[in-house]
Amino acid sequence: MDQVQRPEGYRLVGVFEEDGRCTAAACFRAIRNLAWGDCLYVDDLSTVPDARRRGHGRALIEWCLEEATRLRCDELHLDSGVGPDRADAHRLYFNMGLRITSYHFARELRRRD
């Protein structure tokens, strides 16, 4: 992360318990592209299983929204996997005002090592 992603603007914010344990984190970066303009892109948002349903994810998204505003971004974006195990995360995103605005397509490539 420090050698590759941080020089590209990748940042990390977390939620810490009183004992100092990090129980949730958001990894993000400010980006600019033709489709979205200036936006804050959340690469990763995760909460450890035993700390879920305590509002940590909501708090991190709220913090990211404030940071996006501070950075004068036009939008906040994140991708989320699909499947029944993602239902709680998706409910949170919808409740936070995020909407599904596109499909994300991917294809694995064979590496020529």
C-alpha atoms as a PDB file:
ATOM      1  CA  MET A   1       0.000   0.000   0.000  1.00  0.00           C
ATOM      2  CA  ASP A   2       2.712   2.489   0.943  1.00  0.00           C
ATOM      3  CA  GLN A   3       4.863   1.843  -2.133  1.00  0.00           C
ATOM      4  CA  VAL A   4       2.168   1.682  -4.827  1.00  0.00           C
ATOM      5  CA  GLN A   5      -1.198   3.019  -3.719  1.00  0.00           C
ATOM      6  CA  ARG A   6      -0.350   5.839  -1.310  1.00  0.00           C
ATOM      7  CA  PRO A   7       1.710   7.726  -3.944  1.00  0.00           C
ATOM      8  CA  GLU A   8      -1.419   7.598  -6.146  1.00  0.00           C
ATOM      9  CA  GLY A   9      -3.490   9.302  -3.417  1.00  0.00           C
ATOM     10  CA  TYR A  10      -4.841   6.200  -1.660  1.00  0.00           C
ATOM     11  CA  ARG A  11      -5.826   7.026   1.920  1.00  0.00           C
ATOM     12  CA  LEU A  12      -7.181   5.079   4.865  1.00  0.00           C
ATOM     13  CA  VAL A  13      -9.556   6.055   7.674  1.00  0.00           C
ATOM     14  CA  GLY A  14     -10.680   3.768  10.490  1.00  0.00           C
ATOM     15  CA  VAL A  15     -12.929   3.282  13.480  1.00  0.00           C
ATOM     16  CA  PHE A  16     -11.081   2.299  16.637  1.00  0.00           C
ATOM     17  CA  GLU A  17     -12.406   0.702  19.820  1.00  0.00           C
ATOM     18  CA  GLU A  18     -11.355   1.952  23.257  1.00  0.00           C
ATOM     19  CA  ASP A  19      -8.748  -0.839  23.415  1.00  0.00           C
ATOM     20  CA  GLY A  20      -7.129   0.546  20.233  1.00  0.00           C
ATOM     21  CA  ARG A  21      -8.388  -2.219  17.953  1.00  0.00           C
ATOM     22  CA  CYS A  22      -9.437  -1.058  14.468  1.00  0.00           C
ATOM     23  CA  THR A  23     -12.870  -2.554  13.793  1.00  0.00           C
ATOM     24  CA  ALA A  24     -13.775  -0.842  10.522  1.00  0.00           C
ATOM     25  CA  ALA A  25     -11.903   0.909   7.744  1.00  0.00           C
ATOM     26  CA  ALA A  26     -12.478   2.774   4.508  1.00  0.00           C
ATOM     27  CA  CYS A  27      -9.788   3.081   1.858  1.00  0.00           C
ATOM     28  CA  PHE A  28     -10.360   5.811  -0.701  1.00  0.00           C
ATOM     29  CA  ARG A  29      -8.851   8.251  -3.172  1.00  0.00           C
ATOM     30  CA  ALA A  30      -9.897  11.399  -4.970  1.00  0.00           C
ATOM     31  CA  ILE A  31     -10.017  10.807  -8.713  1.00  0.00           C
ATOM     32  CA  ARG A  32     -11.019  12.682 -11.845  1.00  0.00           C
ATOM     33  CA  ASN A  33     -12.440  11.111 -14.967  1.00  0.00           C
ATOM     34  CA  LEU A  34     -14.616  12.135 -17.894  1.00  0.00           C
ATOM     35  CA  ALA A  35     -17.741  10.297 -16.754  1.00  0.00           C
ATOM     36  CA  TRP A  36     -17.834  11.445 -13.135  1.00  0.00           C
ATOM     37  CA  GLY A  37     -15.674  14.552 -12.958  1.00  0.00           C
ATOM     38  CA  ASP A  38     -14.011  14.968  -9.571  1.00  0.00           C
ATOM     39  CA  CYS A  39     -15.087  12.264  -7.162  1.00  0.00           C
ATOM     40  CA  LEU A  40     -14.070  10.442  -4.048  1.00  0.00           C
ATOM     41  CA  TYR A  41     -13.822   6.746  -4.874  1.00  0.00           C
ATOM     42  CA  VAL A  42     -14.097   4.280  -1.983  1.00  0.00           C
ATOM     43  CA  ASP A  43     -11.940   1.304  -2.910  1.00  0.00           C
ATOM     44  CA  ASP A  44     -12.618  -0.688   0.237  1.00  0.00           C
ATOM     45  CA  LEU A  45     -15.098  -0.453   3.102  1.00  0.00           C
ATOM     46  CA  SER A  46     -15.015  -3.194   5.693  1.00  0.00           C
ATOM     47  CA  THR A  47     -16.054  -3.954   9.257  1.00  0.00           C
ATOM     48  CA  VAL A  48     -14.823  -6.954  11.236  1.00  0.00           C
ATOM     49  CA  PRO A  49     -17.677  -9.438  11.748  1.00  0.00           C
ATOM     50  CA  ASP A  50     -17.948  -9.060  15.538  1.00  0.00           C
ATOM     51  CA  ALA A  51     -18.279  -5.254  15.222  1.00  0.00           C
ATOM     52  CA  ARG A  52     -21.012  -5.148  12.578  1.00  0.00           C
ATOM     53  CA  ARG A  53     -24.387  -3.479  13.167  1.00  0.00           C
ATOM     54  CA  ARG A  54     -22.840  -0.828  15.435  1.00  0.00           C
ATOM     55  CA  GLY A  55     -22.964   2.014  12.913  1.00  0.00           C
ATOM     56  CA  HIS A  56     -19.290   1.906  11.944  1.00  0.00           C
ATOM     57  CA  GLY A  57     -19.977   1.568   8.212  1.00  0.00           C
ATOM     58  CA  ARG A  58     -22.447   4.452   8.340  1.00  0.00           C
ATOM     59  CA  ALA A  59     -19.963   6.602  10.242  1.00  0.00           C
ATOM     60  CA  LEU A  60     -17.242   5.887   7.681  1.00  0.00           C
ATOM     61  CA  ILE A  61     -19.500   6.709   4.740  1.00  0.00           C
ATOM     62  CA  GLU A  62     -20.569   9.935   6.453  1.00  0.00           C
ATOM     63  CA  TRP A  63     -16.910  10.810   7.012  1.00  0.00           C
ATOM     64  CA  CYS A  64     -16.119  10.051   3.358  1.00  0.00           C
ATOM     65  CA  LEU A  65     -19.018  12.252   2.224  1.00  0.00           C
ATOM     66  CA  GLU A  66     -17.675  15.105   4.355  1.00  0.00           C
ATOM     67  CA  GLU A  67     -14.171  14.547   3.001  1.00  0.00           C
ATOM     68  CA  ALA A  68     -15.508  14.536  -0.569  1.00  0.00           C
ATOM     69  CA  THR A  69     -17.207  17.864   0.106  1.00  0.00           C
ATOM     70  CA  ARG A  70     -14.016  19.257   1.668  1.00  0.00           C
ATOM     71  CA  LEU A  71     -12.073  18.168  -1.423  1.00  0.00           C
ATOM     72  CA  ARG A  72     -14.695  19.833  -3.653  1.00  0.00           C
ATOM     73  CA  CYS A  73     -15.645  16.539  -5.306  1.00  0.00           C
ATOM     74  CA  ASP A  74     -18.826  16.315  -7.345  1.00  0.00           C
ATOM     75  CA  GLU A  75     -19.696  12.759  -6.317  1.00  0.00           C
ATOM     76  CA  LEU A  76     -18.831   9.789  -4.115  1.00  0.00           C
ATOM     77  CA  HIS A  77     -18.528   6.354  -5.744  1.00  0.00           C
ATOM     78  CA  LEU A  78     -17.954   2.798  -4.604  1.00  0.00           C
ATOM     79  CA  ASP A  79     -18.316  -0.642  -6.152  1.00  0.00           C
ATOM     80  CA  SER A  80     -19.794  -3.507  -4.170  1.00  0.00           C
ATOM     81  CA  GLY A  81     -19.838  -7.196  -4.907  1.00  0.00           C
ATOM     82  CA  VAL A  82     -23.114  -9.022  -5.394  1.00  0.00           C
ATOM     83  CA  GLY A  83     -24.604 -12.007  -3.630  1.00  0.00           C
ATOM     84  CA  PRO A  84     -26.706 -12.790  -0.576  1.00  0.00           C
ATOM     85  CA  ASP A  85     -23.801 -12.054   1.776  1.00  0.00           C
ATOM     86  CA  ARG A  86     -23.802  -8.425   0.574  1.00  0.00           C
ATOM     87  CA  ALA A  87     -27.457  -7.642   1.413  1.00  0.00           C
ATOM     88  CA  ASP A  88     -26.671  -5.762   4.651  1.00  0.00           C
ATOM     89  CA  ALA A  89     -23.994  -3.653   2.969  1.00  0.00           C
ATOM     90  CA  HIS A  90     -26.298  -2.815   0.076  1.00  0.00           C
ATOM     91  CA  ARG A  91     -29.105  -1.851   2.460  1.00  0.00           C
ATOM     92  CA  LEU A  92     -26.705   0.538   4.193  1.00  0.00           C
ATOM     93  CA  TYR A  93     -25.641   2.096   0.881  1.00  0.00           C
ATOM     94  CA  PHE A  94     -29.254   2.633  -0.189  1.00  0.00           C
ATOM     95  CA  ASN A  95     -30.121   4.092   3.240  1.00  0.00           C
ATOM     96  CA  MET A  96     -27.162   6.490   2.857  1.00  0.00           C
ATOM     97  CA  GLY A  97     -28.566   7.792  -0.436  1.00  0.00           C
ATOM     98  CA  LEU A  98     -26.259   5.869  -2.754  1.00  0.00           C
ATOM     99  CA  ARG A  99     -27.833   4.441  -5.896  1.00  0.00           C
ATOM    100  CA  ILE A 100     -26.858   1.849  -8.469  1.00  0.00           C
ATOM    101  CA  THR A 101     -25.796   3.953 -11.445  1.00  0.00           C
ATOM    102  CA  SER A 102     -23.915   1.508 -13.654  1.00  0.00           C
ATOM    103  CA  TYR A 103     -22.776  -2.039 -14.220  1.00  0.00           C
ATOM    104  CA  HIS A 104     -19.151  -2.847 -13.503  1.00  0.00           C
ATOM    105  CA  PHE A 105     -17.659  -5.278 -16.015  1.00  0.00           C
ATOM    106  CA  ALA A 106     -14.472  -7.266 -15.500  1.00  0.00           C
ATOM    107  CA  ARG A 107     -12.558 -10.003 -17.233  1.00  0.00           C
ATOM    108  CA  GLU A 108      -9.585 -11.917 -15.921  1.00  0.00           C
ATOM    109  CA  LEU A 109      -6.535 -11.908 -18.173  1.00  0.00           C
ATOM    110  CA  ARG A 110      -3.905 -14.545 -18.543  1.00  0.00           C
ATOM    111  CA  ARG A 111      -0.605 -13.223 -17.359  1.00  0.00           C
ATOM    112  CA  ARG A 112       2.394 -13.692 -19.555  1.00  0.00           C
ATOM    113  CA  ASP A 113       5.151 -14.136 -17.006  1.00  0.00           C
END
